[in-house]
């Protein structure tokens, strides 16, 4: 495991541990974050831990060009129960992702320092959000880092049933229209799998990433 200094550097992703931890330390500067994402690396750590940088051996992704929205979700979209916007309130989205309770989870990995770092990325045009509204109230959304033809999803939240799913499929529709190659969902979980995400190898992900940015 590599211990980062003030130097703007990451080791090759092939040096990651079996679980996918590549490096420890460093900072959350915009320069380091962009270098990380452009090399298939992302930060993921708790408040009581040092900054951990990951590049897991398997990557959870969606191919927007091949994605098929489930019939149940199409019905929800057709009923127009929600209004969806892009980049209208990034700060509220990331703060809700930080605080909204998730079933089966005691807390969140989104620290105050991460909120501040991604808000800076948003100001630079790299971090983007999807907002889902119901009766003019923000009830769901997601945010991530946009690398051009690869969108790296970070987190999503929902205050009412299906709101985060609507954000997810609306983002995929937008990515498809703009000829994006991948929506990166980082690591496997059952919820993402039910939404249509699947795993590819780190090598495959890196090849697509490098040929897209």
Protein backbone atom coordinates (compact mmCIF):
# COMPACT_ATOMS: atom_id res chain seq x y z
CA UNK A 1 0.00 0.00 0.00
CA UNK A 2 1.39 3.39 -1.02
CA UNK A 3 1.48 6.32 1.41
CA UNK A 4 0.90 9.59 -0.42
CA UNK A 5 2.88 12.74 0.27
CA UNK A 6 2.30 16.29 -0.96
CA UNK A 7 3.51 15.16 -4.40
CA UNK A 8 0.68 14.92 -6.93
CA UNK A 9 1.08 11.22 -7.73
CA UNK A 10 -0.68 7.85 -7.62
CA UNK A 11 0.97 4.46 -8.09
CA UNK A 12 -0.25 2.16 -10.89
CA UNK A 13 -3.67 0.69 -10.12
CA UNK A 14 -2.23 -2.80 -10.47
CA UNK A 15 -0.55 -2.23 -7.09
CA UNK A 16 -3.90 -2.08 -5.28
CA UNK A 17 -4.58 -4.61 -2.54
CA UNK A 18 -6.87 -7.58 -3.04
CA UNK A 19 -9.79 -5.49 -1.74
CA UNK A 20 -8.86 -2.57 -3.99
CA UNK A 21 -7.07 -0.13 -1.65
CA UNK A 22 -4.31 1.57 -3.63
CA UNK A 23 -3.02 4.39 -1.45
CA UNK A 24 -3.44 6.20 1.86
CA UNK A 25 -3.16 9.88 2.70
CA UNK A 26 -2.68 12.89 0.48
CA UNK A 27 -5.49 15.42 0.25
CA UNK A 28 -8.79 16.13 -1.48
CA UNK A 29 -7.59 18.97 -3.66
CA UNK A 30 -9.33 19.36 -7.00
CA UNK A 31 -6.07 18.52 -8.77
CA UNK A 32 -5.62 15.25 -6.90
CA UNK A 33 -9.27 14.26 -7.26
CA UNK A 34 -9.22 14.81 -11.02
CA UNK A 35 -5.94 12.90 -11.33
CA UNK A 36 -7.52 10.04 -9.37
CA UNK A 37 -10.72 9.80 -11.39
CA UNK A 38 -8.86 10.03 -14.70
CA UNK A 39 -6.84 7.00 -13.62
CA UNK A 40 -9.69 4.86 -12.32
CA UNK A 41 -9.20 5.76 -8.64
CA UNK A 42 -11.65 7.22 -6.12
CA UNK A 43 -11.60 8.19 -2.40
CA UNK A 44 -13.70 6.22 0.07
CA UNK A 45 -13.16 6.44 3.82
CA UNK A 46 -14.87 7.15 7.14
CA UNK A 47 -14.46 10.20 9.37
CA UNK A 48 -12.16 8.36 11.75
CA UNK A 49 -9.89 7.04 8.98
CA UNK A 50 -7.15 8.59 6.86
CA UNK A 51 -8.04 9.25 3.21
CA UNK A 52 -8.20 5.88 1.43
CA UNK A 53 -7.88 5.69 -2.36
CA UNK A 54 -9.50 2.74 -4.15
CA UNK A 55 -9.27 1.00 -7.48
CA UNK A 56 -11.18 -2.28 -6.99
CA UNK A 57 -10.50 -5.35 -9.14
CA UNK A 58 -14.12 -5.35 -10.33
CA UNK A 59 -15.99 -2.21 -11.37
CA UNK A 60 -19.78 -1.78 -11.28
CA UNK A 61 -20.90 0.03 -14.44
CA UNK A 62 -23.77 0.78 -16.79
CA UNK A 63 -23.43 1.04 -20.55
CA UNK A 64 -25.87 3.87 -21.41
CA UNK A 65 -26.10 2.80 -25.04
CA UNK A 66 -27.40 -0.67 -24.13
CA UNK A 67 -29.45 0.20 -21.06
CA UNK A 68 -33.07 -0.91 -20.93
CA UNK A 69 -35.30 0.79 -18.37
CA UNK A 70 -37.48 -1.63 -16.43
CA UNK A 71 -41.18 -1.52 -17.29
CA UNK A 72 -42.13 -0.53 -13.74
CA UNK A 73 -39.80 2.46 -13.90
CA UNK A 74 -41.05 3.45 -17.34
CA UNK A 75 -44.56 3.52 -15.88
CA UNK A 76 -43.41 5.79 -13.06
CA UNK A 77 -41.70 8.15 -15.53
CA UNK A 78 -44.78 8.21 -17.76
CA UNK A 79 -46.99 9.18 -14.83
CA UNK A 80 -44.87 12.33 -14.41
CA UNK A 81 -44.93 12.15 -10.63
CA UNK A 82 -41.58 13.94 -10.47
CA UNK A 83 -39.77 16.84 -12.08
CA UNK A 84 -36.09 16.23 -12.85
CA UNK A 85 -33.39 18.90 -13.23
CA UNK A 86 -29.64 18.93 -13.71
CA UNK A 87 -27.17 21.02 -11.69
CA UNK A 88 -29.81 23.21 -10.10
CA UNK A 89 -28.83 22.54 -6.47
CA UNK A 90 -25.64 20.52 -6.19
CA UNK A 91 -24.99 21.50 -2.57
CA UNK A 92 -28.38 20.28 -1.38
CA UNK A 93 -27.98 17.01 -3.27
CA UNK A 94 -24.59 16.14 -1.77
CA UNK A 95 -25.73 17.19 1.69
CA UNK A 96 -28.80 14.98 1.44
CA UNK A 97 -26.62 12.11 0.25
CA UNK A 98 -24.58 12.70 3.42
CA UNK A 99 -27.47 12.83 5.87
CA UNK A 100 -30.48 10.86 4.56
CA UNK A 101 -30.80 7.53 6.37
CA UNK A 102 -30.38 4.38 4.29
CA UNK A 103 -31.96 1.10 5.32
CA UNK A 104 -29.36 -1.27 6.72
CA UNK A 105 -26.69 1.41 7.11
CA UNK A 106 -25.60 3.14 10.32
CA UNK A 107 -24.13 6.18 8.62
CA UNK A 108 -22.47 7.55 5.54
CA UNK A 109 -18.94 7.74 4.19
CA UNK A 110 -19.44 11.32 2.91
CA UNK A 111 -17.39 13.50 5.27
CA UNK A 112 -17.52 17.28 5.63
CA UNK A 113 -14.17 17.51 3.85
CA UNK A 114 -15.58 15.52 0.93
CA UNK A 115 -18.60 17.80 0.67
CA UNK A 116 -16.31 20.83 0.44
CA UNK A 117 -14.03 19.13 -2.09
CA UNK A 118 -16.84 18.10 -4.43
CA UNK A 119 -18.47 21.51 -4.18
CA UNK A 120 -15.21 22.94 -5.52
CA UNK A 121 -15.26 20.38 -8.33
CA UNK A 122 -18.83 21.45 -9.08
CA UNK A 123 -17.78 25.10 -9.28
CA UNK A 124 -15.17 24.04 -11.85
CA UNK A 125 -17.79 22.15 -13.88
CA UNK A 126 -16.58 18.61 -13.14
CA UNK A 127 -18.96 17.48 -10.39
CA UNK A 128 -22.60 17.43 -11.44
CA UNK A 129 -25.95 16.64 -9.90
CA UNK A 130 -29.38 15.36 -10.82
CA UNK A 131 -32.29 16.66 -8.74
CA UNK A 132 -35.72 15.06 -8.39
CA UNK A 133 -38.58 17.27 -7.23
CA UNK A 134 -42.10 16.60 -6.05
CA UNK A 135 -44.40 19.55 -5.34
CA UNK A 136 -41.36 21.86 -5.47
CA UNK A 137 -39.58 19.83 -2.77
CA UNK A 138 -36.24 18.12 -3.38
CA UNK A 139 -37.05 14.45 -2.73
CA UNK A 140 -34.20 12.63 -4.46
CA UNK A 141 -31.08 12.95 -6.53
CA UNK A 142 -27.52 11.91 -7.21
CA UNK A 143 -24.13 13.43 -7.93
CA UNK A 144 -20.88 12.40 -9.55
CA UNK A 145 -17.82 13.45 -11.51
CA UNK A 146 -18.12 14.02 -15.25
CA UNK A 147 -15.00 13.08 -17.21
CA UNK A 148 -16.42 13.71 -20.67
CA UNK A 149 -17.58 10.33 -21.97
CA UNK A 150 -17.48 8.57 -18.60
CA UNK A 151 -19.62 9.72 -15.67
CA UNK A 152 -18.43 8.55 -12.26
CA UNK A 153 -21.44 8.26 -9.98
CA UNK A 154 -20.75 8.92 -6.32
CA UNK A 155 -23.95 8.72 -4.29
CA UNK A 156 -27.71 9.09 -4.48
CA UNK A 157 -30.54 9.64 -2.03
CA UNK A 158 -34.30 9.29 -1.86
CA UNK A 159 -36.85 10.76 0.54
CA UNK A 160 -39.85 9.18 -1.18
CA UNK A 161 -40.17 5.85 -3.01
CA UNK A 162 -38.53 5.67 -6.46
CA UNK A 163 -37.05 9.19 -6.43
CA UNK A 164 -33.41 8.04 -6.65
CA UNK A 165 -34.35 5.48 -9.32
CA UNK A 166 -35.87 8.28 -11.40
CA UNK A 167 -32.65 10.28 -11.02
CA UNK A 168 -30.62 7.23 -12.06
CA UNK A 169 -32.55 6.36 -15.21
CA UNK A 170 -32.90 10.03 -16.24
CA UNK A 171 -29.14 10.45 -15.99
CA UNK A 172 -28.61 7.33 -18.11
CA UNK A 173 -30.99 8.69 -20.75
CA UNK A 174 -29.03 11.93 -20.84
CA UNK A 175 -25.71 10.08 -21.07
CA UNK A 176 -27.04 7.96 -23.93
CA UNK A 177 -28.14 11.04 -25.86
CA UNK A 178 -24.67 12.53 -25.44
CA UNK A 179 -22.92 9.28 -26.49
CA UNK A 180 -21.27 8.52 -23.14
CA UNK A 181 -19.59 5.16 -22.95
CA UNK A 182 -20.01 4.34 -19.26
CA UNK A 183 -21.73 5.29 -16.05
CA UNK A 184 -19.29 4.19 -13.36
CA UNK A 185 -21.03 2.97 -10.19
CA UNK A 186 -17.74 1.98 -8.51
CA UNK A 187 -18.50 -1.09 -6.37
CA UNK A 188 -21.17 -3.77 -6.37
CA UNK A 189 -24.32 -3.58 -4.32
CA UNK A 190 -27.63 -5.36 -4.76
CA UNK A 191 -29.59 -2.15 -5.35
CA UNK A 192 -27.39 -1.16 -8.30
CA UNK A 193 -27.59 -4.67 -9.73
CA UNK A 194 -31.40 -4.53 -9.62
CA UNK A 195 -31.22 -1.21 -11.48
CA UNK A 196 -29.24 -2.87 -14.27
CA UNK A 197 -25.59 -2.24 -13.37
CA UNK A 198 -23.04 -5.03 -13.86
CA UNK A 199 -19.39 -5.72 -13.11
CA UNK A 200 -16.44 -5.55 -15.47
CA UNK A 201 -12.77 -6.05 -14.69
CA UNK A 202 -10.55 -3.18 -13.63
CA UNK A 203 -8.47 -3.66 -16.78
CA UNK A 204 -11.55 -3.34 -19.00
CA UNK A 205 -12.69 -0.25 -17.12
CA UNK A 206 -9.29 1.43 -17.39
CA UNK A 207 -9.09 0.74 -21.13
CA UNK A 208 -12.50 2.32 -21.73
CA UNK A 209 -11.64 5.22 -19.42
CA UNK A 210 -8.32 5.99 -21.10
CA UNK A 211 -9.80 5.84 -24.58
CA UNK A 212 -12.67 8.15 -23.57
CA UNK A 213 -10.95 11.13 -21.92
